[in-house]
Amino acid sequence: MGIAKEEAKKLIDRLPEQATWDDIMYQFYVQKKIDKGLKALEDGKVISHEEAKMRIFK
């Protein structure tokens, strides 16, 4: 079984029994965003808080 499928099963198992399809899809979405952010951090593709503020207010 692939890693993504295993992780999906674990995520679903952590949800309450009354979870809806929307709850499940939201959790997948959030997990995907977290994974993407962690990958960016690992690859050094992040900026500091101060740099972000400078870009916003520039």
Protein backbone atom coordinates (compact mmCIF):
# COMPACT_ATOMS: atom_id res chain seq x y z
CA MET A 1 0.00 0.00 0.00
CA GLY A 2 1.29 3.47 -0.84
CA ILE A 3 2.29 5.97 1.78
CA ALA A 4 -0.44 8.45 0.79
CA LYS A 5 -3.12 5.79 1.11
CA GLU A 6 -1.83 4.73 4.53
CA GLU A 7 -1.77 8.34 5.72
CA ALA A 8 -5.30 8.88 4.39
CA LYS A 9 -6.55 5.88 6.34
CA LYS A 10 -4.86 7.14 9.53
CA LEU A 11 -6.38 10.59 9.05
CA ILE A 12 -9.86 9.14 8.59
CA ASP A 13 -9.43 6.87 11.62
CA ARG A 14 -8.66 9.93 13.79
CA LEU A 15 -11.95 11.61 12.85
CA PRO A 16 -15.09 11.12 14.94
CA GLU A 17 -17.59 8.50 13.77
CA GLN A 18 -20.10 11.20 12.82
CA ALA A 19 -17.61 12.92 10.44
CA THR A 20 -19.14 14.01 7.14
CA TRP A 21 -17.64 13.90 3.66
CA ASP A 22 -16.99 17.64 4.04
CA ASP A 23 -15.09 17.01 7.29
CA ILE A 24 -12.95 14.37 5.60
CA MET A 25 -12.21 16.53 2.56
CA TYR A 26 -11.35 19.49 4.78
CA GLN A 27 -8.89 17.39 6.75
CA PHE A 28 -7.27 16.18 3.53
CA TYR A 29 -6.99 19.79 2.34
CA VAL A 30 -5.44 20.97 5.61
CA GLN A 31 -2.99 18.07 5.71
CA LYS A 32 -1.93 18.76 2.12
CA LYS A 33 -1.26 22.41 2.96
CA ILE A 34 0.73 21.44 6.06
CA ASP A 35 2.81 18.95 4.06
CA LYS A 36 3.45 21.56 1.38
CA GLY A 37 4.61 24.07 4.01
CA LEU A 38 6.91 21.56 5.67
CA LYS A 39 8.42 20.66 2.28
CA ALA A 40 9.02 24.35 1.55
CA LEU A 41 10.71 24.71 4.93
CA GLU A 42 12.85 21.64 4.28
CA ASP A 43 13.86 23.04 0.87
CA GLY A 44 14.69 26.45 2.33
CA LYS A 45 11.93 28.15 0.35
CA VAL A 46 10.70 30.32 3.21
CA ILE A 47 11.20 33.90 4.28
CA SER A 48 11.34 35.48 7.70
CA HIS A 49 8.42 37.28 9.30
CA GLU A 50 10.28 40.57 8.92
CA GLU A 51 10.86 39.95 5.20
CA ALA A 52 7.17 39.15 4.73
CA LYS A 53 6.18 42.41 6.46
CA MET A 54 8.60 44.37 4.29
CA ARG A 55 7.10 42.84 1.14
CA ILE A 56 3.55 43.61 2.25
CA PHE A 57 4.16 47.22 3.23
CA LYS A 58 6.47 48.02 0.30
